[in-house]
Each structure stands twice: as C-alpha cells, then as structure tokens.
Amino acid sequence: GDYNPGGKLPVTFYAGTAQLPDYEDYRMEGRTYRYFSGKPLYPF
C-alpha cells in the first residue's frame, strides 16, 4: 500500500489458448480487443 497501482493492460488477457486463432494466420479476425468478440479474462 505504499503505492496505489494505476497500470492498464496493453494487451488482451484471454481466458485460454482455445480463444486464439491460428498463430500463423496474420489476419486480424478474432484477434485483440479490436476484433475479438468473445469474453476475455481481462480486457485491453
């Protein structure tokens, strides 16, 4: 408690690997807060 945290996630923390598209596919569909329509564990 000597410092009150204020950091914010610069990435989406997904709930699990199953939420991720194919790693070798560079299309943004289903990726990051901008295109991910599921429920992350902790959002961007």
ModelCIF file with pLDDT and N, C-alpha, C, O atoms, coordinates in Angstrom:
data_MODEL
#
_entry.id   MODEL 
#
_entity.id                         1 
_entity.type                       polymer 
_entity.pdbx_number_of_molecules   1 
#
_entity_poly.entity_id                      1 
_entity_poly.type                           'polypeptide(L)' 
_entity_poly.nstd_linkage                   no 
_entity_poly.nstd_monomer                   no 
_entity_poly.pdbx_seq_one_letter_code       GDYNPGGKLPVTFYAGTAQLPDYEDYRMEGRTYRYFSGKPLYPF 
_entity_poly.pdbx_seq_one_letter_code_can   GDYNPGGKLPVTFYAGTAQLPDYEDYRMEGRTYRYFSGKPLYPF 
_entity_poly.pdbx_strand_id                 A 
#
loop_
_entity_poly_seq.entity_id 
_entity_poly_seq.num 
_entity_poly_seq.mon_id 
_entity_poly_seq.hetero 
1 1  GLY n 
1 2  ASP n 
1 3  TYR n 
1 4  ASN n 
1 5  PRO n 
1 6  GLY n 
1 7  GLY n 
1 8  LYS n 
1 9  LEU n 
1 10 PRO n 
1 11 VAL n 
1 12 THR n 
1 13 PHE n 
1 14 TYR n 
1 15 ALA n 
1 16 GLY n 
1 17 THR n 
1 18 ALA n 
1 19 GLN n 
1 20 LEU n 
1 21 PRO n 
1 22 ASP n 
1 23 TYR n 
1 24 GLU n 
1 25 ASP n 
1 26 TYR n 
1 27 ARG n 
1 28 MET n 
1 29 GLU n 
1 30 GLY n 
1 31 ARG n 
1 32 THR n 
1 33 TYR n 
1 34 ARG n 
1 35 TYR n 
1 36 PHE n 
1 37 SER n 
1 38 GLY n 
1 39 LYS n 
1 40 PRO n 
1 41 LEU n 
1 42 TYR n 
1 43 PRO n 
1 44 PHE n 
#
_struct_asym.id          A 
_struct_asym.entity_id   1 
#
loop_
_ma_qa_metric.id 
_ma_qa_metric.mode 
_ma_qa_metric.name 
_ma_qa_metric.software_group_id 
_ma_qa_metric.type 
1 global pLDDT . pLDDT 
2 local  pLDDT . pLDDT 
#
_ma_qa_metric_global.metric_id      1 
_ma_qa_metric_global.metric_value   98.16 
_ma_qa_metric_global.model_id       1 
_ma_qa_metric_global.ordinal_id     1 
#
loop_
_ma_qa_metric_local.label_asym_id 
_ma_qa_metric_local.label_comp_id 
_ma_qa_metric_local.label_seq_id 
_ma_qa_metric_local.metric_id 
_ma_qa_metric_local.metric_value 
_ma_qa_metric_local.model_id 
_ma_qa_metric_local.ordinal_id 
A GLY 1  2 98.00 1 1  
A ASP 2  2 98.00 1 2  
A TYR 3  2 98.00 1 3  
A ASN 4  2 98.00 1 4  
A PRO 5  2 98.00 1 5  
A GLY 6  2 98.00 1 6  
A GLY 7  2 99.00 1 7  
A LYS 8  2 99.00 1 8  
A LEU 9  2 99.00 1 9  
A PRO 10 2 99.00 1 10 
A VAL 11 2 99.00 1 11 
A THR 12 2 99.00 1 12 
A PHE 13 2 99.00 1 13 
A TYR 14 2 98.00 1 14 
A ALA 15 2 98.00 1 15 
A GLY 16 2 98.00 1 16 
A THR 17 2 98.00 1 17 
A ALA 18 2 98.00 1 18 
A GLN 19 2 98.00 1 19 
A LEU 20 2 98.00 1 20 
A PRO 21 2 98.00 1 21 
A ASP 22 2 98.00 1 22 
A TYR 23 2 98.00 1 23 
A GLU 24 2 97.00 1 24 
A ASP 25 2 98.00 1 25 
A TYR 26 2 98.00 1 26 
A ARG 27 2 98.00 1 27 
A MET 28 2 98.00 1 28 
A GLU 29 2 98.00 1 29 
A GLY 30 2 98.00 1 30 
A ARG 31 2 98.00 1 31 
A THR 32 2 98.00 1 32 
A TYR 33 2 98.00 1 33 
A ARG 34 2 98.00 1 34 
A TYR 35 2 98.00 1 35 
A PHE 36 2 98.00 1 36 
A SER 37 2 97.00 1 37 
A GLY 38 2 97.00 1 38 
A LYS 39 2 98.00 1 39 
A PRO 40 2 98.00 1 40 
A LEU 41 2 98.00 1 41 
A TYR 42 2 99.00 1 42 
A PRO 43 2 99.00 1 43 
A PHE 44 2 99.00 1 44 
#
loop_
_atom_site.group_PDB 
_atom_site.id 
_atom_site.type_symbol 
_atom_site.label_atom_id 
_atom_site.label_alt_id 
_atom_site.label_comp_id 
_atom_site.label_asym_id 
_atom_site.label_entity_id 
_atom_site.label_seq_id 
_atom_site.pdbx_PDB_ins_code 
_atom_site.Cartn_x 
_atom_site.Cartn_y 
_atom_site.Cartn_z 
_atom_site.occupancy 
_atom_site.B_iso_or_equiv 
_atom_site.pdbx_formal_charge 
_atom_site.auth_seq_id 
_atom_site.auth_comp_id 
_atom_site.auth_asym_id 
_atom_site.auth_atom_id 
_atom_site.pdbx_PDB_model_num 
ATOM 1   N N  . GLY A 1 1  ? 0.757   -1.233  0.000   1.00 98.00 ? 1  GLY A N  1 
ATOM 2   C CA . GLY A 1 1  ? 0.000   0.000   0.000   1.00 98.00 ? 1  GLY A CA 1 
ATOM 3   C C  . GLY A 1 1  ? 0.791   1.289   0.000   1.00 98.00 ? 1  GLY A C  1 
ATOM 4   O O  . GLY A 1 1  ? 0.213   2.360   0.186   1.00 98.00 ? 1  GLY A O  1 
ATOM 5   N N  . ASP A 1 2  ? 2.098   1.220   -0.203  1.00 98.00 ? 2  ASP A N  1 
ATOM 6   C CA . ASP A 1 2  ? 2.884   2.450   -0.291  1.00 98.00 ? 2  ASP A CA 1 
ATOM 7   C C  . ASP A 1 2  ? 2.780   3.092   -1.668  1.00 98.00 ? 2  ASP A C  1 
ATOM 8   O O  . ASP A 1 2  ? 3.223   4.223   -1.866  1.00 98.00 ? 2  ASP A O  1 
ATOM 9   N N  . TYR A 1 3  ? 2.197   2.373   -2.615  1.00 98.00 ? 3  TYR A N  1 
ATOM 10  C CA . TYR A 1 3  ? 1.930   2.929   -3.944  1.00 98.00 ? 3  TYR A CA 1 
ATOM 11  C C  . TYR A 1 3  ? 0.614   2.361   -4.425  1.00 98.00 ? 3  TYR A C  1 
ATOM 12  O O  . TYR A 1 3  ? 0.371   1.158   -4.325  1.00 98.00 ? 3  TYR A O  1 
ATOM 13  N N  . ASN A 1 4  ? -0.223  3.217   -4.940  1.00 98.00 ? 4  ASN A N  1 
ATOM 14  C CA . ASN A 1 4  ? -1.532  2.803   -5.442  1.00 98.00 ? 4  ASN A CA 1 
ATOM 15  C C  . ASN A 1 4  ? -1.391  2.482   -6.929  1.00 98.00 ? 4  ASN A C  1 
ATOM 16  O O  . ASN A 1 4  ? -1.101  3.382   -7.717  1.00 98.00 ? 4  ASN A O  1 
ATOM 17  N N  . PRO A 1 5  ? -1.588  1.231   -7.334  1.00 98.00 ? 5  PRO A N  1 
ATOM 18  C CA . PRO A 1 5  ? -1.343  0.863   -8.734  1.00 98.00 ? 5  PRO A CA 1 
ATOM 19  C C  . PRO A 1 5  ? -2.288  1.567   -9.691  1.00 98.00 ? 5  PRO A C  1 
ATOM 20  O O  . PRO A 1 5  ? -3.451  1.820   -9.376  1.00 98.00 ? 5  PRO A O  1 
ATOM 21  N N  . GLY A 1 6  ? -1.752  1.882   -10.888 1.00 98.00 ? 6  GLY A N  1 
ATOM 22  C CA . GLY A 1 6  ? -2.557  2.548   -11.911 1.00 98.00 ? 6  GLY A CA 1 
ATOM 23  C C  . GLY A 1 6  ? -2.295  2.031   -13.305 1.00 98.00 ? 6  GLY A C  1 
ATOM 24  O O  . GLY A 1 6  ? -2.774  2.614   -14.278 1.00 98.00 ? 6  GLY A O  1 
ATOM 25  N N  . GLY A 1 7  ? -1.531  0.931   -13.428 1.00 99.00 ? 7  GLY A N  1 
ATOM 26  C CA . GLY A 1 7  ? -1.230  0.372   -14.735 1.00 99.00 ? 7  GLY A CA 1 
ATOM 27  C C  . GLY A 1 7  ? -2.457  -0.210  -15.410 1.00 99.00 ? 7  GLY A C  1 
ATOM 28  O O  . GLY A 1 7  ? -3.401  -0.649  -14.752 1.00 99.00 ? 7  GLY A O  1 
ATOM 29  N N  . LYS A 1 8  ? -2.428  -0.205  -16.739 1.00 99.00 ? 8  LYS A N  1 
ATOM 30  C CA . LYS A 1 8  ? -3.523  -0.765  -17.548 1.00 99.00 ? 8  LYS A CA 1 
ATOM 31  C C  . LYS A 1 8  ? -2.935  -1.711  -18.587 1.00 99.00 ? 8  LYS A C  1 
ATOM 32  O O  . LYS A 1 8  ? -1.838  -1.478  -19.094 1.00 99.00 ? 8  LYS A O  1 
ATOM 33  N N  . LEU A 1 9  ? -3.649  -2.756  -18.898 1.00 99.00 ? 9  LEU A N  1 
ATOM 34  C CA . LEU A 1 9  ? -3.133  -3.770  -19.825 1.00 99.00 ? 9  LEU A CA 1 
ATOM 35  C C  . LEU A 1 9  ? -2.979  -3.208  -21.235 1.00 99.00 ? 9  LEU A C  1 
ATOM 36  O O  . LEU A 1 9  ? -3.915  -2.608  -21.762 1.00 99.00 ? 9  LEU A O  1 
ATOM 37  N N  . PRO A 1 10 ? -1.800  -3.395  -21.858 1.00 99.00 ? 10 PRO A N  1 
ATOM 38  C CA . PRO A 1 10 ? -1.621  -3.019  -23.261 1.00 99.00 ? 10 PRO A CA 1 
ATOM 39  C C  . PRO A 1 10 ? -1.932  -4.166  -24.219 1.00 99.00 ? 10 PRO A C  1 
ATOM 40  O O  . PRO A 1 10 ? -1.789  -4.035  -25.434 1.00 99.00 ? 10 PRO A O  1 
ATOM 41  N N  . VAL A 1 11 ? -2.361  -5.291  -23.648 1.00 99.00 ? 11 VAL A N  1 
ATOM 42  C CA . VAL A 1 11 ? -2.752  -6.466  -24.430 1.00 99.00 ? 11 VAL A CA 1 
ATOM 43  C C  . VAL A 1 11 ? -3.965  -7.103  -23.767 1.00 99.00 ? 11 VAL A C  1 
ATOM 44  O O  . VAL A 1 11 ? -4.222  -6.896  -22.581 1.00 99.00 ? 11 VAL A O  1 
ATOM 45  N N  . THR A 1 12 ? -4.696  -7.872  -24.542 1.00 99.00 ? 12 THR A N  1 
ATOM 46  C CA . THR A 1 12 ? -5.813  -8.642  -24.009 1.00 99.00 ? 12 THR A CA 1 
ATOM 47  C C  . THR A 1 12 ? -5.286  -9.865  -23.273 1.00 99.00 ? 12 THR A C  1 
ATOM 48  O O  . THR A 1 12 ? -4.424  -10.577 -23.790 1.00 99.00 ? 12 THR A O  1 
ATOM 49  N N  . PHE A 1 13 ? -5.792  -10.112 -22.083 1.00 99.00 ? 13 PHE A N  1 
ATOM 50  C CA . PHE A 1 13 ? -5.505  -11.354 -21.371 1.00 99.00 ? 13 PHE A CA 1 
ATOM 51  C C  . PHE A 1 13 ? -6.672  -12.297 -21.651 1.00 99.00 ? 13 PHE A C  1 
ATOM 52  O O  . PHE A 1 13 ? -7.745  -12.166 -21.061 1.00 99.00 ? 13 PHE A O  1 
ATOM 53  N N  . TYR A 1 14 ? -6.453  -13.240 -22.549 1.00 98.00 ? 14 TYR A N  1 
ATOM 54  C CA . TYR A 1 14 ? -7.502  -14.187 -22.933 1.00 98.00 ? 14 TYR A CA 1 
ATOM 55  C C  . TYR A 1 14 ? -7.748  -15.196 -21.814 1.00 98.00 ? 14 TYR A C  1 
ATOM 56  O O  . TYR A 1 14 ? -6.908  -15.392 -20.936 1.00 98.00 ? 14 TYR A O  1 
ATOM 57  N N  . ALA A 1 15 ? -8.912  -15.825 -21.866 1.00 98.00 ? 15 ALA A N  1 
ATOM 58  C CA . ALA A 1 15 ? -9.269  -16.820 -20.857 1.00 98.00 ? 15 ALA A CA 1 
ATOM 59  C C  . ALA A 1 15 ? -8.529  -18.128 -21.066 1.00 98.00 ? 15 ALA A C  1 
ATOM 60  O O  . ALA A 1 15 ? -8.360  -18.900 -20.122 1.00 98.00 ? 15 ALA A O  1 
ATOM 61  N N  . GLY A 1 16 ? -8.084  -18.391 -22.292 1.00 98.00 ? 16 GLY A N  1 
ATOM 62  C CA . GLY A 1 16 ? -7.374  -19.632 -22.562 1.00 98.00 ? 16 GLY A CA 1 
ATOM 63  C C  . GLY A 1 16 ? -6.894  -19.703 -23.992 1.00 98.00 ? 16 GLY A C  1 
ATOM 64  O O  . GLY A 1 16 ? -7.305  -18.908 -24.837 1.00 98.00 ? 16 GLY A O  1 
ATOM 65  N N  . THR A 1 17 ? -6.030  -20.651 -24.258 1.00 98.00 ? 17 THR A N  1 
ATOM 66  C CA . THR A 1 17 ? -5.466  -20.833 -25.599 1.00 98.00 ? 17 THR A CA 1 
ATOM 67  C C  . THR A 1 17 ? -6.551  -21.088 -26.634 1.00 98.00 ? 17 THR A C  1 
ATOM 68  O O  . THR A 1 17 ? -6.417  -20.697 -27.794 1.00 98.00 ? 17 THR A O  1 
ATOM 69  N N  . ALA A 1 18 ? -7.622  -21.742 -26.214 1.00 98.00 ? 18 ALA A N  1 
ATOM 70  C CA . ALA A 1 18 ? -8.704  -22.089 -27.144 1.00 98.00 ? 18 ALA A CA 1 
ATOM 71  C C  . ALA A 1 18 ? -9.350  -20.864 -27.766 1.00 98.00 ? 18 ALA A C  1 
ATOM 72  O O  . ALA A 1 18 ? -10.000 -20.982 -28.805 1.00 98.00 ? 18 ALA A O  1 
ATOM 73  N N  . GLN A 1 19 ? -9.192  -19.691 -27.165 1.00 98.00 ? 19 GLN A N  1 
ATOM 74  C CA . GLN A 1 19 ? -9.793  -18.477 -27.724 1.00 98.00 ? 19 GLN A CA 1 
ATOM 75  C C  . GLN A 1 19 ? -8.958  -17.876 -28.856 1.00 98.00 ? 19 GLN A C  1 
ATOM 76  O O  . GLN A 1 19 ? -9.398  -16.929 -29.507 1.00 98.00 ? 19 GLN A O  1 
ATOM 77  N N  . LEU A 1 20 ? -7.766  -18.411 -29.096 1.00 98.00 ? 20 LEU A N  1 
ATOM 78  C CA . LEU A 1 20 ? -6.854  -17.809 -30.063 1.00 98.00 ? 20 LEU A CA 1 
ATOM 79  C C  . LEU A 1 20 ? -7.020  -18.416 -31.451 1.00 98.00 ? 20 LEU A C  1 
ATOM 80  O O  . LEU A 1 20 ? -7.224  -19.624 -31.571 1.00 98.00 ? 20 LEU A O  1 
ATOM 81  N N  . PRO A 1 21 ? -6.936  -17.601 -32.504 1.00 98.00 ? 21 PRO A N  1 
ATOM 82  C CA . PRO A 1 21 ? -6.915  -18.133 -33.866 1.00 98.00 ? 21 PRO A CA 1 
ATOM 83  C C  . PRO A 1 21 ? -5.577  -18.814 -34.159 1.00 98.00 ? 21 PRO A C  1 
ATOM 84  O O  . PRO A 1 21 ? -4.694  -18.863 -33.303 1.00 98.00 ? 21 PRO A O  1 
ATOM 85  N N  . ASP A 1 22 ? -5.442  -19.330 -35.358 1.00 98.00 ? 22 ASP A N  1 
ATOM 86  C CA . ASP A 1 22 ? -4.197  -19.952 -35.803 1.00 98.00 ? 22 ASP A CA 1 
ATOM 87  C C  . ASP A 1 22 ? -3.052  -18.946 -35.683 1.00 98.00 ? 22 ASP A C  1 
ATOM 88  O O  . ASP A 1 22 ? -3.132  -17.841 -36.218 1.00 98.00 ? 22 ASP A O  1 
ATOM 89  N N  . TYR A 1 23 ? -2.002  -19.331 -34.986 1.00 98.00 ? 23 TYR A N  1 
ATOM 90  C CA . TYR A 1 23 ? -0.866  -18.430 -34.744 1.00 98.00 ? 23 TYR A CA 1 
ATOM 91  C C  . TYR A 1 23 ? -0.225  -17.947 -36.042 1.00 98.00 ? 23 TYR A C  1 
ATOM 92  O O  . TYR A 1 23 ? 0.232   -16.806 -36.116 1.00 98.00 ? 23 TYR A O  1 
ATOM 93  N N  . GLU A 1 24 ? -0.187  -18.791 -37.057 1.00 97.00 ? 24 GLU A N  1 
ATOM 94  C CA . GLU A 1 24 ? 0.492   -18.431 -38.296 1.00 97.00 ? 24 GLU A CA 1 
ATOM 95  C C  . GLU A 1 24 ? -0.396  -17.662 -39.271 1.00 97.00 ? 24 GLU A C  1 
ATOM 96  O O  . GLU A 1 24 ? 0.022   -17.355 -40.387 1.00 97.00 ? 24 GLU A O  1 
ATOM 97  N N  . ASP A 1 25 ? -1.601  -17.357 -38.855 1.00 98.00 ? 25 ASP A N  1 
ATOM 98  C CA . ASP A 1 25 ? -2.519  -16.575 -39.677 1.00 98.00 ? 25 ASP A CA 1 
ATOM 99  C C  . ASP A 1 25 ? -2.429  -15.115 -39.240 1.00 98.00 ? 25 ASP A C  1 
ATOM 100 O O  . ASP A 1 25 ? -2.745  -14.787 -38.096 1.00 98.00 ? 25 ASP A O  1 
ATOM 101 N N  . TYR A 1 26 ? -1.997  -14.236 -40.152 1.00 98.00 ? 26 TYR A N  1 
ATOM 102 C CA . TYR A 1 26 ? -1.795  -12.829 -39.806 1.00 98.00 ? 26 TYR A CA 1 
ATOM 103 C C  . TYR A 1 26 ? -3.062  -11.984 -39.945 1.00 98.00 ? 26 TYR A C  1 
ATOM 104 O O  . TYR A 1 26 ? -3.033  -10.790 -39.648 1.00 98.00 ? 26 TYR A O  1 
ATOM 105 N N  . ARG A 1 27 ? -4.152  -12.568 -40.382 1.00 98.00 ? 27 ARG A N  1 
ATOM 106 C CA . ARG A 1 27 ? -5.392  -11.797 -40.434 1.00 98.00 ? 27 ARG A CA 1 
ATOM 107 C C  . ARG A 1 27 ? -5.818  -11.424 -39.020 1.00 98.00 ? 27 ARG A C  1 
ATOM 108 O O  . ARG A 1 27 ? -5.613  -12.194 -38.081 1.00 98.00 ? 27 ARG A O  1 
ATOM 109 N N  . MET A 1 28 ? -6.405  -10.253 -38.870 1.00 98.00 ? 28 MET A N  1 
ATOM 110 C CA . MET A 1 28 ? -6.779  -9.768  -37.551 1.00 98.00 ? 28 MET A CA 1 
ATOM 111 C C  . MET A 1 28 ? -8.112  -10.323 -37.060 1.00 98.00 ? 28 MET A C  1 
ATOM 112 O O  . MET A 1 28 ? -8.467  -10.109 -35.901 1.00 98.00 ? 28 MET A O  1 
ATOM 113 N N  . GLU A 1 29 ? -8.832  -11.004 -37.876 1.00 98.00 ? 29 GLU A N  1 
ATOM 114 C CA . GLU A 1 29 ? -10.122 -11.556 -37.480 1.00 98.00 ? 29 GLU A CA 1 
ATOM 115 C C  . GLU A 1 29 ? -9.987  -12.388 -36.206 1.00 98.00 ? 29 GLU A C  1 
ATOM 116 O O  . GLU A 1 29 ? -9.200  -13.333 -36.156 1.00 98.00 ? 29 GLU A O  1 
ATOM 117 N N  . GLY A 1 30 ? -10.757 -12.033 -35.183 1.00 98.00 ? 30 GLY A N  1 
ATOM 118 C CA . GLY A 1 30 ? -10.736 -12.766 -33.927 1.00 98.00 ? 30 GLY A CA 1 
ATOM 119 C C  . GLY A 1 30 ? -9.594  -12.417 -33.004 1.00 98.00 ? 30 GLY A C  1 
ATOM 120 O O  . GLY A 1 30 ? -9.419  -13.050 -31.963 1.00 98.00 ? 30 GLY A O  1 
ATOM 121 N N  . ARG A 1 31 ? -8.802  -11.401 -33.378 1.00 98.00 ? 31 ARG A N  1 
ATOM 122 C CA . ARG A 1 31 ? -7.611  -11.062 -32.588 1.00 98.00 ? 31 ARG A CA 1 
ATOM 123 C C  . ARG A 1 31 ? -7.744  -9.710  -31.899 1.00 98.00 ? 31 ARG A C  1 
ATOM 124 O O  . ARG A 1 31 ? -8.382  -8.797  -32.424 1.00 98.00 ? 31 ARG A O  1 
ATOM 125 N N  . THR A 1 32 ? -7.158  -9.591  -30.761 1.00 98.00 ? 32 THR A N  1 
ATOM 126 C CA . THR A 1 32 ? -7.043  -8.363  -29.980 1.00 98.00 ? 32 THR A CA 1 
ATOM 127 C C  . THR A 1 32 ? -8.419  -7.793  -29.659 1.00 98.00 ? 32 THR A C  1 
ATOM 128 O O  . THR A 1 32 ? -9.425  -8.252  -30.201 1.00 98.00 ? 32 THR A O  1 
ATOM 129 N N  . TYR A 1 33 ? -8.467  -6.804  -28.790 1.00 98.00 ? 33 TYR A N  1 
ATOM 130 C CA . TYR A 1 33 ? -9.750  -6.224  -28.390 1.00 98.00 ? 33 TYR A CA 1 
ATOM 131 C C  . TYR A 1 33 ? -10.519 -5.659  -29.570 1.00 98.00 ? 33 TYR A C  1 
ATOM 132 O O  . TYR A 1 33 ? -11.737 -5.500  -29.488 1.00 98.00 ? 33 TYR A O  1 
ATOM 133 N N  . ARG A 1 34 ? -9.833  -5.350  -30.671 1.00 98.00 ? 34 ARG A N  1 
ATOM 134 C CA . ARG A 1 34 ? -10.482 -4.699  -31.801 1.00 98.00 ? 34 ARG A CA 1 
ATOM 135 C C  . ARG A 1 34 ? -11.347 -5.673  -32.602 1.00 98.00 ? 34 ARG A C  1 
ATOM 136 O O  . ARG A 1 34 ? -12.321 -5.263  -33.234 1.00 98.00 ? 34 ARG A O  1 
ATOM 137 N N  . TYR A 1 35 ? -10.994 -6.961  -32.576 1.00 98.00 ? 35 TYR A N  1 
ATOM 138 C CA . TYR A 1 35 ? -11.735 -7.935  -33.379 1.00 98.00 ? 35 TYR A CA 1 
ATOM 139 C C  . TYR A 1 35 ? -12.182 -9.177  -32.598 1.00 98.00 ? 35 TYR A C  1 
ATOM 140 O O  . TYR A 1 35 ? -12.882 -10.026 -33.150 1.00 98.00 ? 35 TYR A O  1 
ATOM 141 N N  . PHE A 1 36 ? -11.799 -9.295  -31.358 1.00 98.00 ? 36 PHE A N  1 
ATOM 142 C CA . PHE A 1 36 ? -12.178 -10.457 -30.556 1.00 98.00 ? 36 PHE A CA 1 
ATOM 143 C C  . PHE A 1 36 ? -13.573 -10.246 -29.972 1.00 98.00 ? 36 PHE A C  1 
ATOM 144 O O  . PHE A 1 36 ? -13.798 -9.298  -29.219 1.00 98.00 ? 36 PHE A O  1 
ATOM 145 N N  . SER A 1 37 ? -14.500 -11.121 -30.316 1.00 97.00 ? 37 SER A N  1 
ATOM 146 C CA . SER A 1 37 ? -15.892 -10.961 -29.886 1.00 97.00 ? 37 SER A CA 1 
ATOM 147 C C  . SER A 1 37 ? -16.236 -11.813 -28.679 1.00 97.00 ? 37 SER A C  1 
ATOM 148 O O  . SER A 1 37 ? -17.353 -11.744 -28.165 1.00 97.00 ? 37 SER A O  1 
ATOM 149 N N  . GLY A 1 38 ? -15.273 -12.626 -28.217 1.00 97.00 ? 38 GLY A N  1 
ATOM 150 C CA . GLY A 1 38 ? -15.522 -13.443 -27.038 1.00 97.00 ? 38 GLY A CA 1 
ATOM 151 C C  . GLY A 1 38 ? -15.330 -12.647 -25.759 1.00 97.00 ? 38 GLY A C  1 
ATOM 152 O O  . GLY A 1 38 ? -15.167 -11.428 -25.797 1.00 97.00 ? 38 GLY A O  1 
ATOM 153 N N  . LYS A 1 39 ? -15.350 -13.335 -24.636 1.00 98.00 ? 39 LYS A N  1 
ATOM 154 C CA . LYS A 1 39 ? -15.150 -12.682 -23.340 1.00 98.00 ? 39 LYS A CA 1 
ATOM 155 C C  . LYS A 1 39 ? -13.755 -13.002 -22.834 1.00 98.00 ? 39 LYS A C  1 
ATOM 156 O O  . LYS A 1 39 ? -13.469 -14.153 -22.502 1.00 98.00 ? 39 LYS A O  1 
ATOM 157 N N  . PRO A 1 40 ? -12.877 -12.001 -22.770 1.00 98.00 ? 40 PRO A N  1 
ATOM 158 C CA . PRO A 1 40 ? -11.534 -12.252 -22.260 1.00 98.00 ? 40 PRO A CA 1 
ATOM 159 C C  . PRO A 1 40 ? -11.553 -12.376 -20.744 1.00 98.00 ? 40 PRO A C  1 
ATOM 160 O O  . PRO A 1 40 ? -12.544 -12.035 -20.099 1.00 98.00 ? 40 PRO A O  1 
ATOM 161 N N  . LEU A 1 41 ? -10.469 -12.858 -20.186 1.00 98.00 ? 41 LEU A N  1 
ATOM 162 C CA . LEU A 1 41 ? -10.350 -12.871 -18.738 1.00 98.00 ? 41 LEU A CA 1 
ATOM 163 C C  . LEU A 1 41 ? -10.196 -11.442 -18.218 1.00 98.00 ? 41 LEU A C  1 
ATOM 164 O O  . LEU A 1 41 ? -10.895 -11.028 -17.293 1.00 98.00 ? 41 LEU A O  1 
ATOM 165 N N  . TYR A 1 42 ? -9.261  -10.686 -18.835 1.00 99.00 ? 42 TYR A N  1 
ATOM 166 C CA . TYR A 1 42 ? -9.068  -9.271  -18.516 1.00 99.00 ? 42 TYR A CA 1 
ATOM 167 C C  . TYR A 1 42 ? -8.920  -8.515  -19.840 1.00 99.00 ? 42 TYR A C  1 
ATOM 168 O O  . TYR A 1 42 ? -8.066  -8.868  -20.653 1.00 99.00 ? 42 TYR A O  1 
ATOM 169 N N  . PRO A 1 43 ? -9.730  -7.493  -20.066 1.00 99.00 ? 43 PRO A N  1 
ATOM 170 C CA . PRO A 1 43 ? -9.706  -6.811  -21.361 1.00 99.00 ? 43 PRO A CA 1 
ATOM 171 C C  . PRO A 1 43 ? -8.535  -5.841  -21.505 1.00 99.00 ? 43 PRO A C  1 
ATOM 172 O O  . PRO A 1 43 ? -7.944  -5.404  -20.517 1.00 99.00 ? 43 PRO A O  1 
ATOM 173 N N  . PHE A 1 44 ? -8.222  -5.523  -22.728 1.00 99.00 ? 44 PHE A N  1 
ATOM 174 C CA . PHE A 1 44 ? -7.258  -4.475  -23.042 1.00 99.00 ? 44 PHE A CA 1 
ATOM 175 C C  . PHE A 1 44 ? -7.657  -3.184  -22.327 1.00 99.00 ? 44 PHE A C  1 
ATOM 176 O O  . PHE A 1 44 ? -6.972  -2.169  -22.459 1.00 99.00 ? 44 PHE A O  1 
#
